[in-house]
Amino acid sequence: MRHLLLIRLDPAAQPVQGPDPSLAEDMDKLLEEMTKAGVLLDTAGLWPLDEAVRIRLSNGELTVLDGPFTESKEIIGGYCLLQTRSRDEAVEWASRFLRVHGPEWTMEIEVRQLDQS
């Protein structure tokens, strides 16, 4: 089964000095382990909200909104697409992903199974 991990964060709650220099190294190790285990299908961070576009449909009318979106208190900062044997396995990989970031980060991951139909 495939699971999409949506990495959610509050930009205002992130470390002011930026990520710990060892974070990239630790993340590379985890992603390499996920790749070798055959569970990581794809992953990426997302560009900032000021470069995003939202398209809204309401009452049959489309509206295109350019970022930044100042009302956004929580954003999707990235994603991982996993191929796992179970939901529990996807949750375990997501938990490991979060633990790599350390205590100075405030974030969550939403784990969603992809519809196979």
PDB file of N, CA and C in Angstrom:
ATOM      1  N   MET A   1       0.824  -1.175   0.000  1.00  0.00           N
ATOM      2  CA  MET A   1       0.000   0.000   0.000  1.00  0.00           C
ATOM      3  C   MET A   1       0.876   1.249   0.000  1.00  0.00           C
ATOM      4  N   ARG A   2       0.375   2.289  -0.641  1.00  0.00           N
ATOM      5  CA  ARG A   2       1.121   3.542  -0.706  1.00  0.00           C
ATOM      6  C   ARG A   2       0.529   4.545   0.273  1.00  0.00           C
ATOM      7  N   HIS A   3       1.419   5.281   0.925  1.00  0.00           N
ATOM      8  CA  HIS A   3       1.005   6.315   1.871  1.00  0.00           C
ATOM      9  C   HIS A   3       1.701   7.623   1.514  1.00  0.00           C
ATOM     10  N   LEU A   4       0.936   8.706   1.599  1.00  0.00           N
ATOM     11  CA  LEU A   4       1.485  10.041   1.408  1.00  0.00           C
ATOM     12  C   LEU A   4       1.651  10.671   2.782  1.00  0.00           C
ATOM     13  N   LEU A   5       2.861  11.097   3.085  1.00  0.00           N
ATOM     14  CA  LEU A   5       3.141  11.781   4.333  1.00  0.00           C
ATOM     15  C   LEU A   5       3.195  13.266   4.027  1.00  0.00           C
ATOM     16  N   LEU A   6       2.249  14.019   4.582  1.00  0.00           N
ATOM     17  CA  LEU A   6       2.204  15.468   4.410  1.00  0.00           C
ATOM     18  C   LEU A   6       2.876  16.095   5.623  1.00  0.00           C
ATOM     19  N   ILE A   7       3.952  16.797   5.403  1.00  0.00           N
ATOM     20  CA  ILE A   7       4.744  17.366   6.481  1.00  0.00           C
ATOM     21  C   ILE A   7       4.232  18.775   6.744  1.00  0.00           C
ATOM     22  N   ARG A   8       3.570  18.938   7.881  1.00  0.00           N
ATOM     23  CA  ARG A   8       2.939  20.211   8.234  1.00  0.00           C
ATOM     24  C   ARG A   8       3.773  20.925   9.287  1.00  0.00           C
ATOM     25  N   LEU A   9       3.879  22.251   9.117  1.00  0.00           N
ATOM     26  CA  LEU A   9       4.594  23.030  10.113  1.00  0.00           C
ATOM     27  C   LEU A   9       4.043  24.437  10.188  1.00  0.00           C
ATOM     28  N   ASP A  10       4.319  25.079  11.306  1.00  0.00           N
ATOM     29  CA  ASP A  10       3.975  26.475  11.521  1.00  0.00           C
ATOM     30  C   ASP A  10       5.267  27.259  11.325  1.00  0.00           C
ATOM     31  N   PRO A  11       5.367  28.046  10.255  1.00  0.00           N
ATOM     32  CA  PRO A  11       6.621  28.747   9.986  1.00  0.00           C
ATOM     33  C   PRO A  11       7.070  29.630  11.149  1.00  0.00           C
ATOM     34  N   ALA A  12       6.123  30.180  11.896  1.00  0.00           N
ATOM     35  CA  ALA A  12       6.463  31.062  13.015  1.00  0.00           C
ATOM     36  C   ALA A  12       7.042  30.290  14.195  1.00  0.00           C
ATOM     37  N   ALA A  13       6.826  28.969  14.243  1.00  0.00           N
ATOM     38  CA  ALA A  13       7.287  28.168  15.380  1.00  0.00           C
ATOM     39  C   ALA A  13       8.586  27.430  15.105  1.00  0.00           C
ATOM     40  N   GLN A  14       9.227  27.718  13.993  1.00  0.00           N
ATOM     41  CA  GLN A  14      10.465  27.016  13.641  1.00  0.00           C
ATOM     42  C   GLN A  14      11.667  27.741  14.223  1.00  0.00           C
ATOM     43  N   PRO A  15      12.785  27.056  14.338  1.00  0.00           N
ATOM     44  CA  PRO A  15      13.981  27.679  14.913  1.00  0.00           C
ATOM     45  C   PRO A  15      14.368  28.949  14.165  1.00  0.00           C
ATOM     46  N   VAL A  16      14.586  30.021  14.907  1.00  0.00           N
ATOM     47  CA  VAL A  16      14.934  31.308  14.309  1.00  0.00           C
ATOM     48  C   VAL A  16      16.291  31.219  13.617  1.00  0.00           C
ATOM     49  N   GLN A  17      17.238  30.518  14.207  1.00  0.00           N
ATOM     50  CA  GLN A  17      18.577  30.412  13.641  1.00  0.00           C
ATOM     51  C   GLN A  17      18.645  29.399  12.511  1.00  0.00           C
ATOM     52  N   GLY A  18      17.548  28.770  12.181  1.00  0.00           N
ATOM     53  CA  GLY A  18      17.543  27.772  11.115  1.00  0.00           C
ATOM     54  C   GLY A  18      17.843  26.388  11.661  1.00  0.00           C
ATOM     55  N   PRO A  19      17.816  25.387  10.798  1.00  0.00           N
ATOM     56  CA  PRO A  19      18.026  24.018  11.253  1.00  0.00           C
ATOM     57  C   PRO A  19      19.460  23.777  11.730  1.00  0.00           C
ATOM     58  N   ASP A  20      19.577  22.859  12.657  1.00  0.00           N
ATOM     59  CA  ASP A  20      20.881  22.416  13.156  1.00  0.00           C
ATOM     60  C   ASP A  20      21.684  21.881  11.969  1.00  0.00           C
ATOM     61  N   PRO A  21      22.972  22.213  11.863  1.00  0.00           N
ATOM     62  CA  PRO A  21      23.774  21.751  10.720  1.00  0.00           C
ATOM     63  C   PRO A  21      23.792  20.232  10.545  1.00  0.00           C
ATOM     64  N   SER A  22      23.607  19.492  11.623  1.00  0.00           N
ATOM     65  CA  SER A  22      23.623  18.030  11.502  1.00  0.00           C
ATOM     66  C   SER A  22      22.308  17.471  10.975  1.00  0.00           C
ATOM     67  N   LEU A  23      21.275  18.320  10.896  1.00  0.00           N
ATOM     68  CA  LEU A  23      19.969  17.847  10.432  1.00  0.00           C
ATOM     69  C   LEU A  23      20.053  17.291   9.009  1.00  0.00           C
ATOM     70  N   ALA A  24      20.719  17.992   8.105  1.00  0.00           N
ATOM     71  CA  ALA A  24      20.815  17.523   6.713  1.00  0.00           C
ATOM     72  C   ALA A  24      21.518  16.170   6.649  1.00  0.00           C
ATOM     73  N   GLU A  25      22.569  16.012   7.424  1.00  0.00           N
ATOM     74  CA  GLU A  25      23.303  14.744   7.446  1.00  0.00           C
ATOM     75  C   GLU A  25      22.432  13.612   8.002  1.00  0.00           C
ATOM     76  N   ASP A  26      21.736  13.889   9.103  1.00  0.00           N
ATOM     77  CA  ASP A  26      20.860  12.872   9.704  1.00  0.00           C
ATOM     78  C   ASP A  26      19.696  12.527   8.776  1.00  0.00           C
ATOM     79  N   MET A  27      19.155  13.542   8.092  1.00  0.00           N
ATOM     80  CA  MET A  27      18.050  13.311   7.167  1.00  0.00           C
ATOM     81  C   MET A  27      18.526  12.484   5.978  1.00  0.00           C
ATOM     82  N   ASP A  28      19.713  12.780   5.461  1.00  0.00           N
ATOM     83  CA  ASP A  28      20.267  11.990   4.347  1.00  0.00           C
ATOM     84  C   ASP A  28      20.413  10.523   4.743  1.00  0.00           C
ATOM     85  N   LYS A  29      20.874  10.270   5.958  1.00  0.00           N
ATOM     86  CA  LYS A  29      21.022   8.894   6.436  1.00  0.00           C
ATOM     87  C   LYS A  29      19.674   8.186   6.506  1.00  0.00           C
ATOM     88  N   LEU A  30      18.662   8.879   7.040  1.00  0.00           N
ATOM     89  CA  LEU A  30      17.333   8.277   7.146  1.00  0.00           C
ATOM     90  C   LEU A  30      16.761   8.000   5.754  1.00  0.00           C
ATOM     91  N   LEU A  31      16.875   8.954   4.846  1.00  0.00           N
ATOM     92  CA  LEU A  31      16.338   8.767   3.493  1.00  0.00           C
ATOM     93  C   LEU A  31      17.059   7.643   2.771  1.00  0.00           C
ATOM     94  N   GLU A  32      18.362   7.505   3.003  1.00  0.00           N
ATOM     95  CA  GLU A  32      19.114   6.396   2.412  1.00  0.00           C
ATOM     96  C   GLU A  32      18.611   5.065   2.977  1.00  0.00           C
ATOM     97  N   GLU A  33      18.362   5.031   4.283  1.00  0.00           N
ATOM     98  CA  GLU A  33      17.836   3.815   4.894  1.00  0.00           C
ATOM     99  C   GLU A  33      16.451   3.468   4.344  1.00  0.00           C
ATOM    100  N   MET A  34      15.607   4.487   4.165  1.00  0.00           N
ATOM    101  CA  MET A  34      14.268   4.263   3.614  1.00  0.00           C
ATOM    102  C   MET A  34      14.352   3.754   2.181  1.00  0.00           C
ATOM    103  N   THR A  35      15.305   4.291   1.414  1.00  0.00           N
ATOM    104  CA  THR A  35      15.492   3.858   0.028  1.00  0.00           C
ATOM    105  C   THR A  35      15.952   2.407  -0.021  1.00  0.00           C
ATOM    106  N   LYS A  36      16.945   2.066   0.809  1.00  0.00           N
ATOM    107  CA  LYS A  36      17.450   0.689   0.843  1.00  0.00           C
ATOM    108  C   LYS A  36      16.380  -0.286   1.306  1.00  0.00           C
ATOM    109  N   ALA A  37      15.482   0.165   2.185  1.00  0.00           N
ATOM    110  CA  ALA A  37      14.392  -0.691   2.665  1.00  0.00           C
ATOM    111  C   ALA A  37      13.289  -0.837   1.612  1.00  0.00           C
ATOM    112  N   GLY A  38      13.366  -0.033   0.546  1.00  0.00           N
ATOM    113  CA  GLY A  38      12.383  -0.135  -0.535  1.00  0.00           C
ATOM    114  C   GLY A  38      11.067   0.550  -0.240  1.00  0.00           C
ATOM    115  N   VAL A  39      11.020   1.446   0.756  1.00  0.00           N
ATOM    116  CA  VAL A  39       9.755   2.094   1.090  1.00  0.00           C
ATOM    117  C   VAL A  39       9.642   3.509   0.528  1.00  0.00           C
ATOM    118  N   LEU A  40      10.754   4.184   0.270  1.00  0.00           N
ATOM    119  CA  LEU A  40      10.694   5.567  -0.199  1.00  0.00           C
ATOM    120  C   LEU A  40      10.530   5.611  -1.710  1.00  0.00           C
ATOM    121  N   LEU A  41       9.385   6.108  -2.160  1.00  0.00           N
ATOM    122  CA  LEU A  41       9.131   6.261  -3.588  1.00  0.00           C
ATOM    123  C   LEU A  41       9.511   7.653  -4.076  1.00  0.00           C
ATOM    124  N   ASP A  42       9.277   8.675  -3.227  1.00  0.00           N
ATOM    125  CA  ASP A  42       9.595  10.048  -3.606  1.00  0.00           C
ATOM    126  C   ASP A  42       9.503  10.919  -2.365  1.00  0.00           C
ATOM    127  N   THR A  43      10.255  12.004  -2.359  1.00  0.00           N
ATOM    128  CA  THR A  43      10.172  12.987  -1.280  1.00  0.00           C
ATOM    129  C   THR A  43      10.700  14.316  -1.779  1.00  0.00           C
ATOM    130  N   ALA A  44      10.181  15.407  -1.227  1.00  0.00           N
ATOM    131  CA  ALA A  44      10.670  16.740  -1.588  1.00  0.00           C
ATOM    132  C   ALA A  44      10.127  17.757  -0.603  1.00  0.00           C
ATOM    133  N   GLY A  45      10.873  18.826  -0.453  1.00  0.00           N
ATOM    134  CA  GLY A  45      10.368  19.994   0.249  1.00  0.00           C
ATOM    135  C   GLY A  45       9.629  20.862  -0.758  1.00  0.00           C
ATOM    136  N   LEU A  46       8.813  21.764  -0.267  1.00  0.00           N
ATOM    137  CA  LEU A  46       8.039  22.637  -1.148  1.00  0.00           C
ATOM    138  C   LEU A  46       8.575  24.066  -1.084  1.00  0.00           C
ATOM    139  N   TRP A  47       8.442  24.773  -2.175  1.00  0.00           N
ATOM    140  CA  TRP A  47       8.881  26.164  -2.249  1.00  0.00           C
ATOM    141  C   TRP A  47       8.044  27.007  -1.284  1.00  0.00           C
ATOM    142  N   PRO A  48       8.517  28.189  -0.910  1.00  0.00           N
ATOM    143  CA  PRO A  48       7.808  29.036   0.050  1.00  0.00           C
ATOM    144  C   PRO A  48       6.432  29.471  -0.451  1.00  0.00           C
ATOM    145  N   LEU A  49       5.572  29.830   0.502  1.00  0.00           N
ATOM    146  CA  LEU A  49       4.210  30.250   0.161  1.00  0.00           C
ATOM    147  C   LEU A  49       4.156  31.502  -0.703  1.00  0.00           C
ATOM    148  N   ASP A  50       5.161  32.356  -0.629  1.00  0.00           N
ATOM    149  CA  ASP A  50       5.102  33.567  -1.439  1.00  0.00           C
ATOM    150  C   ASP A  50       5.244  33.274  -2.928  1.00  0.00           C
ATOM    151  N   GLU A  51       5.609  32.030  -3.273  1.00  0.00           N
ATOM    152  CA  GLU A  51       5.694  31.636  -4.680  1.00  0.00           C
ATOM    153  C   GLU A  51       4.568  30.680  -5.075  1.00  0.00           C
ATOM    154  N   ALA A  52       3.614  30.484  -4.174  1.00  0.00           N
ATOM    155  CA  ALA A  52       2.511  29.557  -4.424  1.00  0.00           C
ATOM    156  C   ALA A  52       1.319  30.262  -5.067  1.00  0.00           C
ATOM    157  N   VAL A  53       0.447  29.460  -5.644  1.00  0.00           N
ATOM    158  CA  VAL A  53      -0.815  29.934  -6.220  1.00  0.00           C
ATOM    159  C   VAL A  53      -1.908  29.014  -5.709  1.00  0.00           C
ATOM    160  N   ARG A  54      -3.015  29.593  -5.295  1.00  0.00           N
ATOM    161  CA  ARG A  54      -4.188  28.806  -4.919  1.00  0.00           C
ATOM    162  C   ARG A  54      -5.299  29.107  -5.921  1.00  0.00           C
ATOM    163  N   ILE A  55      -5.988  28.059  -6.322  1.00  0.00           N
ATOM    164  CA  ILE A  55      -7.123  28.212  -7.228  1.00  0.00           C
ATOM    165  C   ILE A  55      -8.340  27.713  -6.468  1.00  0.00           C
ATOM    166  N   ARG A  56      -9.300  28.581  -6.278  1.00  0.00           N
ATOM    167  CA  ARG A  56     -10.474  28.268  -5.473  1.00  0.00           C
ATOM    168  C   ARG A  56     -11.699  28.194  -6.375  1.00  0.00           C
ATOM    169  N   LEU A  57     -12.521  27.169  -6.150  1.00  0.00           N
ATOM    170  CA  LEU A  57     -13.806  27.027  -6.828  1.00  0.00           C
ATOM    171  C   LEU A  57     -14.898  27.278  -5.806  1.00  0.00           C
ATOM    172  N   SER A  58     -15.758  28.255  -6.068  1.00  0.00           N
ATOM    173  CA  SER A  58     -16.866  28.568  -5.171  1.00  0.00           C
ATOM    174  C   SER A  58     -18.042  29.035  -6.012  1.00  0.00           C
ATOM    175  N   ASN A  59     -19.157  28.347  -5.858  1.00  0.00           N
ATOM    176  CA  ASN A  59     -20.372  28.681  -6.612  1.00  0.00           C
ATOM    177  C   ASN A  59     -20.121  28.727  -8.117  1.00  0.00           C
ATOM    178  N   GLY A  60     -19.296  27.804  -8.606  1.00  0.00           N
ATOM    179  CA  GLY A  60     -19.027  27.711 -10.033  1.00  0.00           C
ATOM    180  C   GLY A  60     -18.004  28.702 -10.549  1.00  0.00           C
ATOM    181  N   GLU A  61     -17.477  29.569  -9.686  1.00  0.00           N
ATOM    182  CA  GLU A  61     -16.508  30.575 -10.092  1.00  0.00           C
ATOM    183  C   GLU A  61     -15.115  30.182  -9.620  1.00  0.00           C
ATOM    184  N   LEU A  62     -14.134  30.318 -10.523  1.00  0.00           N
ATOM    185  CA  LEU A  62     -12.743  30.069 -10.176  1.00  0.00           C
ATOM    186  C   LEU A  62     -12.062  31.383  -9.829  1.00  0.00           C
ATOM    187  N   THR A  63     -11.291  31.362  -8.746  1.00  0.00           N
ATOM    188  CA  THR A  63     -10.494  32.507  -8.348  1.00  0.00           C
ATOM    189  C   THR A  63      -9.057  32.045  -8.175  1.00  0.00           C
ATOM    190  N   VAL A  64      -8.130  32.787  -8.769  1.00  0.00           N
ATOM    191  CA  VAL A  64      -6.709  32.478  -8.650  1.00  0.00           C
ATOM    192  C   VAL A  64      -6.109  33.479  -7.669  1.00  0.00           C
ATOM    193  N   LEU A  65      -5.465  32.939  -6.620  1.00  0.00           N
ATOM    194  CA  LEU A  65      -4.856  33.771  -5.586  1.00  0.00           C
ATOM    195  C   LEU A  65      -3.357  33.516  -5.555  1.00  0.00           C
ATOM    196  N   ASP A  66      -2.576  34.578  -5.668  1.00  0.00           N
ATOM    197  CA  ASP A  66      -1.123  34.460  -5.571  1.00  0.00           C
ATOM    198  C   ASP A  66      -0.694  34.572  -4.111  1.00  0.00           C
ATOM    199  N   GLY A  67       0.348  33.810  -3.751  1.00  0.00           N
ATOM    200  CA  GLY A  67       0.901  33.903  -2.408  1.00  0.00           C
ATOM    201  C   GLY A  67       1.683  35.195  -2.256  1.00  0.00           C
ATOM    202  N   PRO A  68       2.091  35.545  -1.060  1.00  0.00           N
ATOM    203  CA  PRO A  68       1.978  34.728   0.151  1.00  0.00           C
ATOM    204  C   PRO A  68       0.575  34.779   0.736  1.00  0.00           C
ATOM    205  N   PHE A  69       0.266  33.797   1.533  1.00  0.00           N
ATOM    206  CA  PHE A  69      -1.039  33.681   2.156  1.00  0.00           C
ATOM    207  C   PHE A  69      -0.857  33.971   3.643  1.00  0.00           C
ATOM    208  N   THR A  70      -1.050  35.219   4.015  1.00  0.00           N
ATOM    209  CA  THR A  70      -0.752  35.647   5.379  1.00  0.00           C
ATOM    210  C   THR A  70      -1.633  34.985   6.425  1.00  0.00           C
ATOM    211  N   GLU A  71      -2.803  34.502   6.019  1.00  0.00           N
ATOM    212  CA  GLU A  71      -3.692  33.843   6.978  1.00  0.00           C
ATOM    213  C   GLU A  71      -3.251  32.420   7.304  1.00  0.00           C
ATOM    214  N   SER A  72      -2.244  31.905   6.618  1.00  0.00           N
ATOM    215  CA  SER A  72      -1.801  30.536   6.829  1.00  0.00           C
ATOM    216  C   SER A  72      -0.977  30.438   8.102  1.00  0.00           C
ATOM    217  N   LYS A  73      -1.512  29.737   9.086  1.00  0.00           N
ATOM    218  CA  LYS A  73      -0.780  29.500  10.325  1.00  0.00           C
ATOM    219  C   LYS A  73      -0.069  28.152  10.270  1.00  0.00           C
ATOM    220  N   GLU A  74      -0.463  27.329   9.336  1.00  0.00           N
ATOM    221  CA  GLU A  74       0.139  26.009   9.170  1.00  0.00           C
ATOM    222  C   GLU A  74       0.270  25.768   7.680  1.00  0.00           C
ATOM    223  N   ILE A  75       1.448  25.279   7.272  1.00  0.00           N
ATOM    224  CA  ILE A  75       1.664  25.018   5.852  1.00  0.00           C
ATOM    225  C   ILE A  75       2.159  23.593   5.663  1.00  0.00           C
ATOM    226  N   ILE A  76       2.000  23.095   4.461  1.00  0.00           N
ATOM    227  CA  ILE A  76       2.621  21.826   4.094  1.00  0.00           C
ATOM    228  C   ILE A  76       4.005  22.197   3.562  1.00  0.00           C
ATOM    229  N   GLY A  77       5.037  21.758   4.282  1.00  0.00           N
ATOM    230  CA  GLY A  77       6.399  22.117   3.933  1.00  0.00           C
ATOM    231  C   GLY A  77       7.075  21.110   3.022  1.00  0.00           C
ATOM    232  N   GLY A  78       6.479  19.913   2.919  1.00  0.00           N
ATOM    233  CA  GLY A  78       7.062  18.877   2.081  1.00  0.00           C
ATOM    234  C   GLY A  78       6.223  17.620   2.140  1.00  0.00           C
ATOM    235  N   TYR A  79       6.692  16.583   1.482  1.00  0.00           N
ATOM    236  CA  TYR A  79       5.955  15.325   1.447  1.00  0.00           C
ATOM    237  C   TYR A  79       6.928  14.163   1.281  1.00  0.00           C
ATOM    238  N   CYS A  80       6.448  12.986   1.627  1.00  0.00           N
ATOM    239  CA  CYS A  80       7.129  11.723   1.319  1.00  0.00           C
ATOM    240  C   CYS A  80       6.066  10.776   0.779  1.00  0.00           C
ATOM    241  N   LEU A  81       6.392  10.054  -0.239  1.00  0.00           N
ATOM    242  CA  LEU A  81       5.513   9.014  -0.758  1.00  0.00           C
ATOM    243  C   LEU A  81       6.173   7.679  -0.450  1.00  0.00           C
ATOM    244  N   LEU A  82       5.472   6.844   0.320  1.00  0.00           N
ATOM    245  CA  LEU A  82       6.018   5.568   0.772  1.00  0.00           C
ATOM    246  C   LEU A  82       5.227   4.395   0.225  1.00  0.00           C
ATOM    247  N   GLN A  83       5.912   3.282   0.055  1.00  0.00           N
ATOM    248  CA  GLN A  83       5.294   1.989  -0.272  1.00  0.00           C
ATOM    249  C   GLN A  83       5.575   1.096   0.937  1.00  0.00           C
ATOM    250  N   THR A  84       4.535   0.799   1.704  1.00  0.00           N
ATOM    251  CA  THR A  84       4.722   0.026   2.939  1.00  0.00           C
ATOM    252  C   THR A  84       3.779  -1.175   2.957  1.00  0.00           C
ATOM    253  N   ARG A  85       4.053  -2.076   3.884  1.00  0.00           N
ATOM    254  CA  ARG A  85       3.192  -3.249   4.042  1.00  0.00           C
ATOM    255  C   ARG A  85       1.958  -2.945   4.872  1.00  0.00           C
ATOM    256  N   SER A  86       2.020  -1.856   5.668  1.00  0.00           N
ATOM    257  CA  SER A  86       0.896  -1.554   6.552  1.00  0.00           C
ATOM    258  C   SER A  86       0.894  -0.073   6.933  1.00  0.00           C
ATOM    259  N   ARG A  87      -0.218   0.358   7.478  1.00  0.00           N
ATOM    260  CA  ARG A  87      -0.329   1.720   8.006  1.00  0.00           C
ATOM    261  C   ARG A  87       0.655   1.909   9.157  1.00  0.00           C
ATOM    262  N   ASP A  88       0.766   0.891  10.010  1.00  0.00           N
ATOM    263  CA  ASP A  88       1.678   0.973  11.148  1.00  0.00           C
ATOM    264  C   ASP A  88       3.122   1.198  10.700  1.00  0.00           C
ATOM    265  N   GLU A  89       3.526   0.549   9.612  1.00  0.00           N
ATOM    266  CA  GLU A  89       4.878   0.754   9.100  1.00  0.00           C
ATOM    267  C   GLU A  89       5.061   2.195   8.620  1.00  0.00           C
ATOM    268  N   ALA A  90       4.051   2.739   7.937  1.00  0.00           N
ATOM    269  CA  ALA A  90       4.109   4.130   7.477  1.00  0.00           C
ATOM    270  C   ALA A  90       4.211   5.080   8.668  1.00  0.00           C
ATOM    271  N   VAL A  91       3.455   4.796   9.728  1.00  0.00           N
ATOM    272  CA  VAL A  91       3.500   5.625  10.936  1.00  0.00           C
ATOM    273  C   VAL A  91       4.882   5.554  11.584  1.00  0.00           C
ATOM    274  N   GLU A  92       5.491   4.386  11.588  1.00  0.00           N
ATOM    275  CA  GLU A  92       6.822   4.241  12.174  1.00  0.00           C
ATOM    276  C   GLU A  92       7.855   5.059  11.391  1.00  0.00           C
ATOM    277  N   TRP A  93       7.820   5.011  10.062  1.00  0.00           N
ATOM    278  CA  TRP A  93       8.761   5.808   9.266  1.00  0.00           C
ATOM    279  C   TRP A  93       8.508   7.301   9.483  1.00  0.00           C
ATOM    280  N   ALA A  94       7.242   7.702   9.539  1.00  0.00           N
ATOM    281  CA  ALA A  94       6.905   9.112   9.781  1.00  0.00           C
ATOM    282  C   ALA A  94       7.424   9.562  11.145  1.00  0.00           C
ATOM    283  N   SER A  95       7.301   8.714  12.139  1.00  0.00           N
ATOM    284  CA  SER A  95       7.787   9.035  13.481  1.00  0.00           C
ATOM    285  C   SER A  95       9.299   9.214  13.480  1.00  0.00           C
ATOM    286  N   ARG A  96       9.982   8.358  12.777  1.00  0.00           N
ATOM    287  CA  ARG A  96      11.442   8.472  12.685  1.00  0.00           C
ATOM    288  C   ARG A  96      11.835   9.765  11.976  1.00  0.00           C
ATOM    289  N   PHE A  97      11.087  10.119  10.942  1.00  0.00           N
ATOM    290  CA  PHE A  97      11.332  11.360  10.213  1.00  0.00           C
ATOM    291  C   PHE A  97      11.225  12.557  11.159  1.00  0.00           C
ATOM    292  N   LEU A  98      10.184  12.576  11.996  1.00  0.00           N
ATOM    293  CA  LEU A  98       9.998  13.685  12.935  1.00  0.00           C
ATOM    294  C   LEU A  98      11.100  13.718  13.989  1.00  0.00           C
ATOM    295  N   ARG A  99      11.464  12.557  14.513  1.00  0.00           N
ATOM    296  CA  ARG A  99      12.486  12.505  15.565  1.00  0.00           C
ATOM    297  C   ARG A  99      13.832  13.054  15.098  1.00  0.00           C
ATOM    298  N   VAL A 100      14.153  12.906  13.827  1.00  0.00           N
ATOM    299  CA  VAL A 100      15.414  13.418  13.288  1.00  0.00           C
ATOM    300  C   VAL A 100      15.512  14.934  13.480  1.00  0.00           C
ATOM    301  N   HIS A 101      14.390  15.628  13.461  1.00  0.00           N
ATOM    302  CA  HIS A 101      14.398  17.088  13.532  1.00  0.00           C
ATOM    303  C   HIS A 101      14.779  17.632  14.905  1.00  0.00           C
ATOM    304  N   GLY A 102      14.555  16.894  15.954  1.00  0.00           N
ATOM    305  CA  GLY A 102      14.959  17.352  17.279  1.00  0.00           C
ATOM    306  C   GLY A 102      13.924  18.236  17.949  1.00  0.00           C
ATOM    307  N   PRO A 103      14.191  18.572  19.210  1.00  0.00           N
ATOM    308  CA  PRO A 103      13.199  19.250  20.048  1.00  0.00           C
ATOM    309  C   PRO A 103      12.939  20.708  19.687  1.00  0.00           C
ATOM    310  N   GLU A 104      13.819  21.338  18.901  1.00  0.00           N
ATOM    311  CA  GLU A 104      13.603  22.745  18.581  1.00  0.00           C
ATOM    312  C   GLU A 104      12.551  22.957  17.494  1.00  0.00           C
ATOM    313  N   TRP A 105      12.116  21.885  16.850  1.00  0.00           N
ATOM    314  CA  TRP A 105      11.126  21.975  15.777  1.00  0.00           C
ATOM    315  C   TRP A 105       9.727  21.678  16.305  1.00  0.00           C
ATOM    316  N   THR A 106       8.734  22.367  15.713  1.00  0.00           N
ATOM    317  CA  THR A 106       7.328  22.079  15.970  1.00  0.00           C
ATOM    318  C   THR A 106       6.713  21.744  14.621  1.00  0.00           C
ATOM    319  N   MET A 107       6.340  20.477  14.465  1.00  0.00           N
ATOM    320  CA  MET A 107       5.792  20.039  13.183  1.00  0.00           C
ATOM    321  C   MET A 107       4.996  18.765  13.385  1.00  0.00           C
ATOM    322  N   GLU A 108       4.241  18.389  12.377  1.00  0.00           N
ATOM    323  CA  GLU A 108       3.506  17.129  12.418  1.00  0.00           C
ATOM    324  C   GLU A 108       3.459  16.551  11.018  1.00  0.00           C
ATOM    325  N   ILE A 109       3.176  15.261  10.964  1.00  0.00           N
ATOM    326  CA  ILE A 109       3.019  14.590   9.680  1.00  0.00           C
ATOM    327  C   ILE A 109       1.642  13.954   9.642  1.00  0.00           C
ATOM    328  N   GLU A 110       0.939  14.225   8.585  1.00  0.00           N
ATOM    329  CA  GLU A 110      -0.345  13.583   8.331  1.00  0.00           C
ATOM    330  C   GLU A 110      -0.078  12.405   7.401  1.00  0.00           C
ATOM    331  N   VAL A 111      -0.469  11.203   7.818  1.00  0.00           N
ATOM    332  CA  VAL A 111      -0.246   9.980   7.037  1.00  0.00           C
ATOM    333  C   VAL A 111      -1.567   9.628   6.362  1.00  0.00           C
ATOM    334  N   ARG A 112      -1.574   9.594   5.030  1.00  0.00           N
ATOM    335  CA  ARG A 112      -2.794   9.311   4.275  1.00  0.00           C
ATOM    336  C   ARG A 112      -2.512   8.186   3.288  1.00  0.00           C
ATOM    337  N   GLN A 113      -3.332   7.140   3.341  1.00  0.00           N
ATOM    338  CA  GLN A 113      -3.206   6.066   2.359  1.00  0.00           C
ATOM    339  C   GLN A 113      -3.779   6.526   1.037  1.00  0.00           C
ATOM    340  N   LEU A 114      -3.087   6.206  -0.051  1.00  0.00           N
ATOM    341  CA  LEU A 114      -3.579   6.563  -1.373  1.00  0.00           C
ATOM    342  C   LEU A 114      -4.625   5.563  -1.818  1.00  0.00           C
ATOM    343  N   ASP A 115      -5.646   6.068  -2.465  1.00  0.00           N
ATOM    344  CA  ASP A 115      -6.720   5.232  -3.000  1.00  0.00           C
ATOM    345  C   ASP A 115      -6.158   4.477  -4.191  1.00  0.00           C
ATOM    346  N   GLN A 116      -6.262   3.181  -4.158  1.00  0.00           N
ATOM    347  CA  GLN A 116      -5.686   2.327  -5.205  1.00  0.00           C
ATOM    348  C   GLN A 116      -6.677   2.035  -6.344  1.00  0.00           C
ATOM    349  N   SER A 117      -7.877   2.590  -6.254  1.00  0.00           N
ATOM    350  CA  SER A 117      -8.883   2.282  -7.289  1.00  0.00           C
ATOM    351  C   SER A 117      -8.690   3.081  -8.545  1.00  0.00           C
TER     352      SER A 117
END
